[in-house]
Amino acid sequence: MTTLQRIIVGISGASGFQYGVKALELLRAQDLEVHLVISKGAEKTCELETDYQLDDVRAMADVVHPIGNLGAAISSGSFKTMGMLVAPCSMRSLGSIANCLTDNLLTRAADVVLKERRRLVLLARETPLNLGHIRNMQAITEMGGIIFPPVPALYQRPQTTDEIITHSVSRALDLFGIDVKNLPRWGEGHLTYNA
């Protein structure tokens, strides 16, 4: 009997709620069980920056965990997952994760992923960075996490914001071994440069 693989998606309060929604959209095409946790700040960002309805976003996941439920399955290392994507990841969440401050389910789940040596990918959304941000990113990297700022890949000549977001999130999912179909890649097809 094979068990369905699981992935955790966290959406924190940084600008860019659309990154988390795109991750959920892309993961729907995969044979994975998707667990979702949304911070209070992300709920506010969704309201201020997008036309998404939170109930519609939650419906894209298989399991939704309240941010305050520190007893949820994803807060335990014995609950097997392939890891966690935080998209976007605010500097507050990044700092909490870097310093093992597990005061909500998003940061607790990320802490568990790190302690279990699973894949943690943080789409860090802030610019410019101060030294504290950089040190926190270094700490997470040293713990085995991956800092993945969603920097646009202009070699694909994106025509829409959605194409930019899709490419960034698809590349982040690559880090879990998740293959998103039709992702433009350098060196494949017309995306080559001959000097």
N, C-alpha and C. Protein backbone atom coordinates (compact mmCIF):
# COMPACT_ATOMS: atom_id res chain seq x y z
N MET A 1 0.85 -1.19 0.00
CA MET A 1 0.00 0.00 0.00
C MET A 1 0.89 1.24 0.00
N THR A 2 0.72 2.11 -0.99
CA THR A 2 1.50 3.35 -1.04
C THR A 2 0.72 4.48 -0.40
N THR A 3 1.45 5.31 0.31
CA THR A 3 0.85 6.46 0.96
C THR A 3 1.03 7.67 0.07
N LEU A 4 -0.02 8.47 -0.06
CA LEU A 4 0.04 9.70 -0.84
C LEU A 4 1.04 10.65 -0.19
N GLN A 5 1.94 11.22 -0.98
CA GLN A 5 2.89 12.18 -0.43
C GLN A 5 2.17 13.47 -0.06
N ARG A 6 2.71 14.13 0.95
CA ARG A 6 2.11 15.38 1.44
C ARG A 6 3.11 16.52 1.35
N ILE A 7 2.57 17.71 1.09
CA ILE A 7 3.37 18.93 1.13
C ILE A 7 2.59 19.98 1.89
N ILE A 8 3.32 20.82 2.62
CA ILE A 8 2.70 21.92 3.38
C ILE A 8 2.94 23.21 2.61
N VAL A 9 1.89 24.00 2.47
CA VAL A 9 2.01 25.34 1.91
C VAL A 9 1.64 26.33 3.01
N GLY A 10 2.55 27.25 3.30
CA GLY A 10 2.28 28.32 4.23
C GLY A 10 2.19 29.63 3.45
N ILE A 11 1.23 30.45 3.81
CA ILE A 11 1.13 31.79 3.21
C ILE A 11 1.23 32.78 4.36
N SER A 12 2.28 33.60 4.35
CA SER A 12 2.46 34.57 5.43
C SER A 12 2.12 35.97 4.92
N GLY A 13 2.30 36.96 5.77
CA GLY A 13 1.75 38.28 5.52
C GLY A 13 2.53 39.23 4.65
N ALA A 14 3.52 38.75 3.93
CA ALA A 14 4.25 39.64 3.02
C ALA A 14 3.40 39.96 1.81
N SER A 15 3.74 41.04 1.14
CA SER A 15 3.09 41.36 -0.13
C SER A 15 3.35 40.21 -1.10
N GLY A 16 2.33 39.82 -1.85
CA GLY A 16 2.50 38.72 -2.80
C GLY A 16 1.68 37.49 -2.45
N PHE A 17 0.50 37.69 -1.91
CA PHE A 17 -0.41 36.58 -1.60
C PHE A 17 -0.60 35.70 -2.83
N GLN A 18 -0.49 36.31 -4.01
CA GLN A 18 -0.68 35.59 -5.28
C GLN A 18 0.29 34.43 -5.43
N TYR A 19 1.48 34.51 -4.84
CA TYR A 19 2.44 33.41 -4.93
C TYR A 19 1.90 32.15 -4.25
N GLY A 20 1.29 32.34 -3.10
CA GLY A 20 0.70 31.19 -2.40
C GLY A 20 -0.45 30.58 -3.17
N VAL A 21 -1.29 31.44 -3.74
CA VAL A 21 -2.42 30.95 -4.53
C VAL A 21 -1.91 30.18 -5.75
N LYS A 22 -0.89 30.70 -6.40
CA LYS A 22 -0.33 30.02 -7.58
C LYS A 22 0.24 28.66 -7.19
N ALA A 23 0.89 28.58 -6.03
CA ALA A 23 1.40 27.28 -5.57
C ALA A 23 0.25 26.29 -5.41
N LEU A 24 -0.83 26.73 -4.81
CA LEU A 24 -2.00 25.85 -4.64
C LEU A 24 -2.56 25.42 -5.99
N GLU A 25 -2.63 26.35 -6.92
CA GLU A 25 -3.14 26.03 -8.27
C GLU A 25 -2.26 24.98 -8.95
N LEU A 26 -0.96 25.18 -8.90
CA LEU A 26 -0.04 24.25 -9.56
C LEU A 26 -0.01 22.89 -8.89
N LEU A 27 -0.17 22.87 -7.58
CA LEU A 27 -0.14 21.60 -6.84
C LEU A 27 -1.40 20.77 -7.06
N ARG A 28 -2.48 21.41 -7.48
CA ARG A 28 -3.72 20.66 -7.74
C ARG A 28 -3.53 19.64 -8.86
N ALA A 29 -2.60 19.90 -9.77
CA ALA A 29 -2.36 18.99 -10.88
C ALA A 29 -1.42 17.84 -10.49
N GLN A 30 -0.93 17.86 -9.26
CA GLN A 30 0.02 16.84 -8.79
C GLN A 30 -0.70 15.81 -7.93
N ASP A 31 -0.11 14.65 -7.82
CA ASP A 31 -0.67 13.58 -6.99
C ASP A 31 -0.12 13.72 -5.57
N LEU A 32 -0.53 14.80 -4.92
CA LEU A 32 -0.05 15.13 -3.58
C LEU A 32 -1.21 15.56 -2.69
N GLU A 33 -1.04 15.35 -1.40
CA GLU A 33 -1.99 15.87 -0.42
C GLU A 33 -1.43 17.20 0.07
N VAL A 34 -2.19 18.27 -0.13
CA VAL A 34 -1.71 19.61 0.18
C VAL A 34 -2.32 20.10 1.49
N HIS A 35 -1.44 20.46 2.44
CA HIS A 35 -1.84 21.01 3.73
C HIS A 35 -1.54 22.50 3.70
N LEU A 36 -2.49 23.31 4.12
CA LEU A 36 -2.38 24.77 4.03
C LEU A 36 -2.51 25.41 5.40
N VAL A 37 -1.67 26.40 5.65
CA VAL A 37 -1.80 27.26 6.82
C VAL A 37 -1.56 28.70 6.38
N ILE A 38 -2.48 29.58 6.75
CA ILE A 38 -2.44 30.99 6.35
C ILE A 38 -2.34 31.85 7.61
N SER A 39 -1.37 32.75 7.65
CA SER A 39 -1.22 33.62 8.82
C SER A 39 -2.28 34.71 8.83
N LYS A 40 -2.44 35.34 9.99
CA LYS A 40 -3.39 36.46 10.10
C LYS A 40 -2.97 37.61 9.19
N GLY A 41 -1.67 37.86 9.13
CA GLY A 41 -1.18 38.91 8.24
C GLY A 41 -1.49 38.62 6.79
N ALA A 42 -1.40 37.35 6.40
CA ALA A 42 -1.70 36.96 5.02
C ALA A 42 -3.18 37.16 4.71
N GLU A 43 -4.03 36.90 5.68
CA GLU A 43 -5.46 37.14 5.47
C GLU A 43 -5.71 38.61 5.18
N LYS A 44 -5.03 39.47 5.91
CA LYS A 44 -5.18 40.92 5.70
C LYS A 44 -4.61 41.32 4.34
N THR A 45 -3.45 40.76 3.97
CA THR A 45 -2.84 41.06 2.68
C THR A 45 -3.76 40.63 1.54
N CYS A 46 -4.36 39.47 1.69
CA CYS A 46 -5.30 38.98 0.67
C CYS A 46 -6.43 40.00 0.46
N GLU A 47 -6.95 40.50 1.55
CA GLU A 47 -8.05 41.47 1.49
C GLU A 47 -7.60 42.79 0.85
N LEU A 48 -6.39 43.26 1.17
CA LEU A 48 -5.92 44.56 0.70
C LEU A 48 -5.38 44.53 -0.72
N GLU A 49 -4.77 43.41 -1.14
CA GLU A 49 -4.04 43.38 -2.41
C GLU A 49 -4.69 42.57 -3.51
N THR A 50 -5.70 41.77 -3.19
CA THR A 50 -6.25 40.87 -4.21
C THR A 50 -7.78 40.88 -4.19
N ASP A 51 -8.33 40.22 -5.18
CA ASP A 51 -9.78 40.01 -5.23
C ASP A 51 -10.16 38.60 -4.81
N TYR A 52 -9.19 37.83 -4.32
CA TYR A 52 -9.46 36.45 -3.88
C TYR A 52 -10.36 36.45 -2.66
N GLN A 53 -11.21 35.44 -2.59
CA GLN A 53 -11.99 35.16 -1.39
C GLN A 53 -11.26 34.06 -0.63
N LEU A 54 -11.04 34.26 0.67
CA LEU A 54 -10.27 33.29 1.45
C LEU A 54 -10.88 31.89 1.41
N ASP A 55 -12.19 31.80 1.40
CA ASP A 55 -12.82 30.47 1.34
C ASP A 55 -12.46 29.75 0.04
N ASP A 56 -12.37 30.50 -1.06
CA ASP A 56 -11.99 29.90 -2.35
C ASP A 56 -10.53 29.43 -2.31
N VAL A 57 -9.68 30.21 -1.67
CA VAL A 57 -8.26 29.83 -1.56
C VAL A 57 -8.14 28.58 -0.69
N ARG A 58 -8.81 28.57 0.43
CA ARG A 58 -8.76 27.40 1.33
C ARG A 58 -9.27 26.14 0.63
N ALA A 59 -10.25 26.30 -0.23
CA ALA A 59 -10.83 25.15 -0.94
C ALA A 59 -9.84 24.50 -1.90
N MET A 60 -8.74 25.17 -2.22
CA MET A 60 -7.75 24.62 -3.14
C MET A 60 -6.83 23.60 -2.45
N ALA A 61 -6.86 23.55 -1.13
CA ALA A 61 -6.02 22.62 -0.38
C ALA A 61 -6.85 21.41 0.05
N ASP A 62 -6.16 20.32 0.33
CA ASP A 62 -6.84 19.12 0.83
C ASP A 62 -7.18 19.27 2.30
N VAL A 63 -6.26 19.87 3.06
CA VAL A 63 -6.45 20.07 4.50
C VAL A 63 -6.02 21.49 4.83
N VAL A 64 -6.86 22.20 5.58
CA VAL A 64 -6.54 23.57 6.01
C VAL A 64 -6.43 23.56 7.53
N HIS A 65 -5.33 24.11 8.03
CA HIS A 65 -5.07 24.16 9.47
C HIS A 65 -5.15 25.59 9.97
N PRO A 66 -5.91 25.86 11.02
CA PRO A 66 -5.94 27.21 11.60
C PRO A 66 -4.56 27.59 12.14
N ILE A 67 -4.20 28.84 11.97
CA ILE A 67 -2.87 29.33 12.36
C ILE A 67 -2.59 29.13 13.85
N GLY A 68 -3.62 29.13 14.67
CA GLY A 68 -3.42 28.98 16.12
C GLY A 68 -3.43 27.56 16.62
N ASN A 69 -3.63 26.58 15.74
CA ASN A 69 -3.74 25.18 16.17
C ASN A 69 -2.36 24.52 16.24
N LEU A 70 -1.67 24.73 17.35
CA LEU A 70 -0.33 24.17 17.50
C LEU A 70 -0.35 22.67 17.72
N GLY A 71 -1.54 22.09 17.85
CA GLY A 71 -1.67 20.64 17.97
C GLY A 71 -2.00 19.96 16.66
N ALA A 72 -1.96 20.71 15.56
CA ALA A 72 -2.29 20.14 14.25
C ALA A 72 -1.25 19.09 13.84
N ALA A 73 -1.65 18.23 12.91
CA ALA A 73 -0.76 17.15 12.45
C ALA A 73 0.58 17.69 11.96
N ILE A 74 0.56 18.82 11.25
CA ILE A 74 1.80 19.35 10.66
C ILE A 74 2.75 19.93 11.70
N SER A 75 2.34 19.96 12.97
CA SER A 75 3.23 20.45 14.01
C SER A 75 4.06 19.31 14.62
N SER A 76 3.91 18.11 14.08
CA SER A 76 4.63 16.96 14.62
C SER A 76 5.55 16.35 13.56
N GLY A 77 6.75 16.02 13.97
CA GLY A 77 7.70 15.38 13.07
C GLY A 77 7.29 13.98 12.66
N SER A 78 6.42 13.34 13.44
CA SER A 78 5.98 11.99 13.08
C SER A 78 4.98 12.00 11.92
N PHE A 79 4.46 13.20 11.60
CA PHE A 79 3.55 13.35 10.46
C PHE A 79 4.43 13.59 9.24
N LYS A 80 4.55 12.61 8.38
CA LYS A 80 5.50 12.68 7.27
C LYS A 80 5.01 13.59 6.15
N THR A 81 5.91 14.47 5.72
CA THR A 81 5.66 15.34 4.57
C THR A 81 6.94 15.39 3.75
N MET A 82 6.82 15.86 2.51
CA MET A 82 8.03 16.06 1.71
C MET A 82 8.66 17.42 2.03
N GLY A 83 7.97 18.23 2.81
CA GLY A 83 8.50 19.52 3.21
C GLY A 83 7.45 20.61 3.16
N MET A 84 7.94 21.84 3.15
CA MET A 84 7.06 23.01 3.25
C MET A 84 7.55 24.14 2.36
N LEU A 85 6.61 24.76 1.68
CA LEU A 85 6.84 25.97 0.90
C LEU A 85 6.11 27.11 1.58
N VAL A 86 6.81 28.20 1.89
CA VAL A 86 6.16 29.39 2.43
C VAL A 86 6.21 30.45 1.34
N ALA A 87 5.02 30.78 0.82
CA ALA A 87 4.92 31.65 -0.36
C ALA A 87 3.75 32.61 -0.21
N PRO A 88 4.02 33.89 0.01
CA PRO A 88 5.31 34.50 0.26
C PRO A 88 5.72 34.30 1.71
N CYS A 89 6.97 34.63 2.00
CA CYS A 89 7.47 34.55 3.37
C CYS A 89 7.86 35.95 3.82
N SER A 90 7.16 36.44 4.83
CA SER A 90 7.46 37.76 5.38
C SER A 90 8.76 37.71 6.18
N MET A 91 9.34 38.86 6.41
CA MET A 91 10.55 38.92 7.23
C MET A 91 10.25 38.55 8.68
N ARG A 92 9.01 38.79 9.12
CA ARG A 92 8.63 38.38 10.48
C ARG A 92 8.64 36.87 10.58
N SER A 93 8.00 36.20 9.62
CA SER A 93 7.99 34.74 9.65
C SER A 93 9.39 34.17 9.48
N LEU A 94 10.16 34.75 8.56
CA LEU A 94 11.52 34.30 8.33
C LEU A 94 12.35 34.43 9.61
N GLY A 95 12.22 35.56 10.30
CA GLY A 95 12.96 35.78 11.54
C GLY A 95 12.55 34.80 12.63
N SER A 96 11.25 34.53 12.72
CA SER A 96 10.77 33.56 13.71
C SER A 96 11.31 32.18 13.43
N ILE A 97 11.29 31.77 12.15
CA ILE A 97 11.79 30.45 11.78
C ILE A 97 13.30 30.37 12.05
N ALA A 98 14.03 31.42 11.70
CA ALA A 98 15.48 31.44 11.89
C ALA A 98 15.86 31.32 13.36
N ASN A 99 15.00 31.82 14.23
CA ASN A 99 15.30 31.84 15.66
C ASN A 99 14.47 30.83 16.45
N CYS A 100 13.86 29.88 15.74
CA CYS A 100 13.10 28.77 16.36
C CYS A 100 11.98 29.27 17.26
N LEU A 101 11.35 30.38 16.88
CA LEU A 101 10.21 30.92 17.64
C LEU A 101 8.93 30.36 17.02
N THR A 102 8.35 29.40 17.69
CA THR A 102 7.21 28.67 17.12
C THR A 102 5.91 29.10 17.78
N ASP A 103 5.57 30.37 17.62
CA ASP A 103 4.40 30.92 18.30
C ASP A 103 3.12 30.79 17.48
N ASN A 104 3.19 30.27 16.26
CA ASN A 104 1.99 29.97 15.49
C ASN A 104 2.25 28.72 14.66
N LEU A 105 1.22 28.20 14.02
CA LEU A 105 1.38 26.92 13.32
C LEU A 105 2.29 27.03 12.10
N LEU A 106 2.31 28.17 11.42
CA LEU A 106 3.18 28.31 10.26
C LEU A 106 4.64 28.18 10.68
N THR A 107 5.04 28.91 11.71
CA THR A 107 6.44 28.86 12.13
C THR A 107 6.77 27.53 12.79
N ARG A 108 5.80 26.94 13.50
CA ARG A 108 6.02 25.61 14.11
C ARG A 108 6.22 24.55 13.03
N ALA A 109 5.37 24.56 12.00
CA ALA A 109 5.49 23.57 10.93
C ALA A 109 6.84 23.72 10.22
N ALA A 110 7.27 24.95 9.98
CA ALA A 110 8.57 25.18 9.35
C ALA A 110 9.70 24.67 10.23
N ASP A 111 9.59 24.90 11.54
CA ASP A 111 10.59 24.43 12.49
C ASP A 111 10.67 22.90 12.47
N VAL A 112 9.52 22.25 12.41
CA VAL A 112 9.47 20.79 12.35
C VAL A 112 10.13 20.28 11.07
N VAL A 113 9.84 20.94 9.95
CA VAL A 113 10.45 20.54 8.68
C VAL A 113 11.98 20.61 8.78
N LEU A 114 12.49 21.67 9.39
CA LEU A 114 13.94 21.80 9.54
C LEU A 114 14.51 20.73 10.46
N LYS A 115 13.85 20.50 11.60
CA LYS A 115 14.41 19.53 12.55
C LYS A 115 14.37 18.11 12.01
N GLU A 116 13.42 17.83 11.13
CA GLU A 116 13.31 16.50 10.52
C GLU A 116 14.16 16.37 9.26
N ARG A 117 14.89 17.44 8.92
CA ARG A 117 15.77 17.47 7.75
C ARG A 117 14.99 17.28 6.45
N ARG A 118 13.82 17.89 6.41
CA ARG A 118 13.02 17.89 5.19
C ARG A 118 13.23 19.21 4.46
N ARG A 119 12.66 19.35 3.29
CA ARG A 119 12.88 20.52 2.44
C ARG A 119 12.01 21.69 2.90
N LEU A 120 12.63 22.83 3.17
CA LEU A 120 11.93 24.07 3.50
C LEU A 120 12.35 25.12 2.49
N VAL A 121 11.38 25.69 1.77
CA VAL A 121 11.66 26.72 0.77
C VAL A 121 10.85 27.96 1.14
N LEU A 122 11.56 29.06 1.30
CA LEU A 122 10.92 30.32 1.71
C LEU A 122 11.02 31.34 0.58
N LEU A 123 9.88 31.74 0.03
CA LEU A 123 9.85 32.80 -0.98
C LEU A 123 9.87 34.14 -0.25
N ALA A 124 11.07 34.53 0.15
CA ALA A 124 11.26 35.74 0.96
C ALA A 124 10.93 36.99 0.15
N ARG A 125 10.03 37.81 0.70
CA ARG A 125 9.53 38.99 0.00
C ARG A 125 9.85 40.24 0.80
N GLU A 126 10.97 40.86 0.47
CA GLU A 126 11.32 42.14 1.08
C GLU A 126 12.47 42.73 0.29
N THR A 127 12.49 44.04 0.17
CA THR A 127 13.63 44.71 -0.43
C THR A 127 13.54 46.19 -0.08
N PRO A 128 14.64 46.86 0.17
CA PRO A 128 15.98 46.30 0.35
C PRO A 128 16.06 45.53 1.67
N LEU A 129 17.14 44.79 1.84
CA LEU A 129 17.33 43.97 3.04
C LEU A 129 18.24 44.68 4.02
N ASN A 130 17.91 44.57 5.32
CA ASN A 130 18.85 45.07 6.32
C ASN A 130 19.70 43.89 6.82
N LEU A 131 20.68 44.18 7.63
CA LEU A 131 21.61 43.16 8.07
C LEU A 131 20.91 42.05 8.86
N GLY A 132 19.88 42.42 9.63
CA GLY A 132 19.13 41.42 10.38
C GLY A 132 18.45 40.42 9.45
N HIS A 133 17.86 40.91 8.36
CA HIS A 133 17.23 40.02 7.38
C HIS A 133 18.26 39.05 6.81
N ILE A 134 19.41 39.59 6.44
CA ILE A 134 20.47 38.78 5.82
C ILE A 134 20.98 37.72 6.81
N ARG A 135 21.15 38.12 8.06
CA ARG A 135 21.61 37.15 9.07
C ARG A 135 20.57 36.05 9.29
N ASN A 136 19.31 36.42 9.30
CA ASN A 136 18.25 35.40 9.44
C ASN A 136 18.25 34.45 8.25
N MET A 137 18.46 34.99 7.05
CA MET A 137 18.53 34.14 5.86
C MET A 137 19.73 33.20 5.94
N GLN A 138 20.85 33.72 6.44
CA GLN A 138 22.03 32.88 6.62
C GLN A 138 21.73 31.75 7.61
N ALA A 139 21.07 32.08 8.72
CA ALA A 139 20.76 31.07 9.74
C ALA A 139 19.88 29.96 9.15
N ILE A 140 18.87 30.34 8.40
CA ILE A 140 17.99 29.33 7.80
C ILE A 140 18.76 28.48 6.80
N THR A 141 19.62 29.10 6.01
CA THR A 141 20.43 28.35 5.05
C THR A 141 21.34 27.37 5.77
N GLU A 142 21.95 27.81 6.87
CA GLU A 142 22.83 26.92 7.64
C GLU A 142 22.05 25.77 8.27
N MET A 143 20.77 25.96 8.53
CA MET A 143 19.92 24.90 9.09
C MET A 143 19.38 23.95 8.01
N GLY A 144 19.64 24.28 6.75
CA GLY A 144 19.20 23.40 5.67
C GLY A 144 18.04 23.93 4.86
N GLY A 145 17.51 25.09 5.22
CA GLY A 145 16.42 25.69 4.45
C GLY A 145 16.94 26.38 3.20
N ILE A 146 16.03 26.72 2.32
CA ILE A 146 16.38 27.39 1.07
C ILE A 146 15.65 28.72 1.01
N ILE A 147 16.41 29.78 0.84
CA ILE A 147 15.84 31.12 0.65
C ILE A 147 15.65 31.31 -0.85
N PHE A 148 14.42 31.58 -1.26
CA PHE A 148 14.11 31.66 -2.69
C PHE A 148 13.32 32.95 -2.97
N PRO A 149 14.01 34.09 -3.07
CA PRO A 149 13.27 35.30 -3.43
C PRO A 149 12.66 35.12 -4.82
N PRO A 150 11.40 35.46 -5.00
CA PRO A 150 10.75 35.27 -6.31
C PRO A 150 11.19 36.34 -7.31
N VAL A 151 12.40 36.19 -7.79
CA VAL A 151 12.98 37.15 -8.74
C VAL A 151 12.53 36.76 -10.15
N PRO A 152 11.98 37.69 -10.91
CA PRO A 152 11.50 37.34 -12.26
C PRO A 152 12.61 36.83 -13.17
N ALA A 153 12.28 35.80 -13.94
CA ALA A 153 13.20 35.25 -14.95
C ALA A 153 12.80 35.87 -16.28
N LEU A 154 13.51 36.89 -16.68
CA LEU A 154 13.11 37.63 -17.87
C LEU A 154 13.51 36.96 -19.17
N TYR A 155 14.36 35.92 -19.10
CA TYR A 155 14.73 35.20 -20.32
C TYR A 155 13.54 34.54 -20.99
N GLN A 156 12.47 34.31 -20.24
CA GLN A 156 11.29 33.69 -20.84
C GLN A 156 10.37 34.72 -21.52
N ARG A 157 10.77 36.00 -21.45
CA ARG A 157 9.99 37.10 -22.04
C ARG A 157 8.53 37.08 -21.59
N PRO A 158 8.30 37.19 -20.30
CA PRO A 158 6.92 37.12 -19.80
C PRO A 158 6.09 38.29 -20.31
N GLN A 159 4.84 38.00 -20.60
CA GLN A 159 3.92 39.01 -21.11
C GLN A 159 2.92 39.48 -20.05
N THR A 160 2.78 38.69 -18.99
CA THR A 160 1.80 39.04 -17.95
C THR A 160 2.41 38.82 -16.57
N THR A 161 1.80 39.43 -15.58
CA THR A 161 2.20 39.21 -14.19
C THR A 161 2.02 37.75 -13.81
N ASP A 162 0.95 37.14 -14.30
CA ASP A 162 0.69 35.74 -13.99
C ASP A 162 1.83 34.85 -14.50
N GLU A 163 2.39 35.14 -15.67
CA GLU A 163 3.50 34.35 -16.19
C GLU A 163 4.73 34.48 -15.28
N ILE A 164 4.97 35.68 -14.77
CA ILE A 164 6.10 35.90 -13.86
C ILE A 164 5.90 35.10 -12.58
N ILE A 165 4.71 35.18 -12.00
CA ILE A 165 4.41 34.47 -10.75
C ILE A 165 4.48 32.97 -10.97
N THR A 166 3.90 32.50 -12.08
CA THR A 166 3.90 31.07 -12.37
C THR A 166 5.32 30.53 -12.49
N HIS A 167 6.19 31.27 -13.17
CA HIS A 167 7.56 30.79 -13.34
C HIS A 167 8.29 30.72 -12.00
N SER A 168 8.16 31.75 -11.17
CA SER A 168 8.83 31.74 -9.87
C SER A 168 8.36 30.58 -9.01
N VAL A 169 7.06 30.39 -8.93
CA VAL A 169 6.52 29.32 -8.08
C VAL A 169 6.88 27.95 -8.65
N SER A 170 6.84 27.81 -9.96
CA SER A 170 7.22 26.53 -10.59
C SER A 170 8.66 26.17 -10.27
N ARG A 171 9.55 27.17 -10.33
CA ARG A 171 10.95 26.93 -10.00
C ARG A 171 11.12 26.55 -8.53
N ALA A 172 10.33 27.16 -7.66
CA ALA A 172 10.38 26.79 -6.23
C ALA A 172 9.92 25.34 -6.05
N LEU A 173 8.88 24.95 -6.77
CA LEU A 173 8.38 23.57 -6.67
C LEU A 173 9.39 22.57 -7.24
N ASP A 174 10.21 23.02 -8.20
CA ASP A 174 11.30 22.18 -8.71
C ASP A 174 12.17 21.66 -7.56
N LEU A 175 12.35 22.50 -6.55
CA LEU A 175 13.23 22.15 -5.44
C LEU A 175 12.70 20.98 -4.61
N PHE A 176 11.42 20.65 -4.78
CA PHE A 176 10.82 19.49 -4.12
C PHE A 176 10.78 18.28 -5.06
N GLY A 177 11.30 18.46 -6.27
CA GLY A 177 11.21 17.39 -7.26
C GLY A 177 9.85 17.32 -7.93
N ILE A 178 9.09 18.40 -7.83
CA ILE A 178 7.76 18.46 -8.44
C ILE A 178 7.92 19.08 -9.83
N ASP A 179 7.51 18.34 -10.82
CA ASP A 179 7.67 18.78 -12.21
C ASP A 179 6.39 19.46 -12.69
N VAL A 180 6.48 20.76 -12.89
CA VAL A 180 5.35 21.52 -13.42
C VAL A 180 5.44 21.51 -14.94
N LYS A 181 4.41 21.04 -15.58
CA LYS A 181 4.41 20.92 -17.04
C LYS A 181 4.43 22.30 -17.70
N ASN A 182 5.05 22.35 -18.89
CA ASN A 182 5.10 23.54 -19.73
C ASN A 182 5.85 24.71 -19.12
N LEU A 183 6.76 24.43 -18.21
CA LEU A 183 7.59 25.49 -17.62
C LEU A 183 8.73 25.82 -18.59
N PRO A 184 8.80 27.07 -19.07
CA PRO A 184 9.92 27.42 -19.96
C PRO A 184 11.24 27.30 -19.20
N ARG A 185 12.19 26.59 -19.81
CA ARG A 185 13.49 26.39 -19.17
C ARG A 185 14.60 26.83 -20.11
N TRP A 186 15.63 27.41 -19.54
CA TRP A 186 16.77 27.86 -20.31
C TRP A 186 17.42 26.67 -21.01
N GLY A 187 17.74 26.85 -22.29
CA GLY A 187 18.40 25.79 -23.03
C GLY A 187 17.45 24.81 -23.69
N GLU A 188 16.15 24.98 -23.45
CA GLU A 188 15.16 24.10 -24.06
C GLU A 188 14.31 24.92 -25.03
N GLY A 189 14.16 24.45 -26.23
CA GLY A 189 13.36 25.17 -27.21
C GLY A 189 14.04 26.44 -27.66
N HIS A 190 13.28 27.54 -27.71
CA HIS A 190 13.81 28.80 -28.24
C HIS A 190 14.60 29.60 -27.21
N LEU A 191 14.67 29.14 -25.97
CA LEU A 191 15.33 29.91 -24.93
C LEU A 191 16.83 29.62 -24.86
N THR A 192 17.54 29.85 -25.96
CA THR A 192 18.98 29.69 -25.97
C THR A 192 19.63 30.96 -26.49
N TYR A 193 20.86 31.15 -26.14
CA TYR A 193 21.60 32.33 -26.56
C TYR A 193 22.94 31.88 -27.12
N ASN A 194 23.19 32.22 -28.34
CA ASN A 194 24.47 31.88 -28.97
C ASN A 194 25.29 33.15 -29.13
N ALA A 195 26.44 33.17 -28.48
CA ALA A 195 27.30 34.36 -28.55
C ALA A 195 28.18 34.31 -29.78
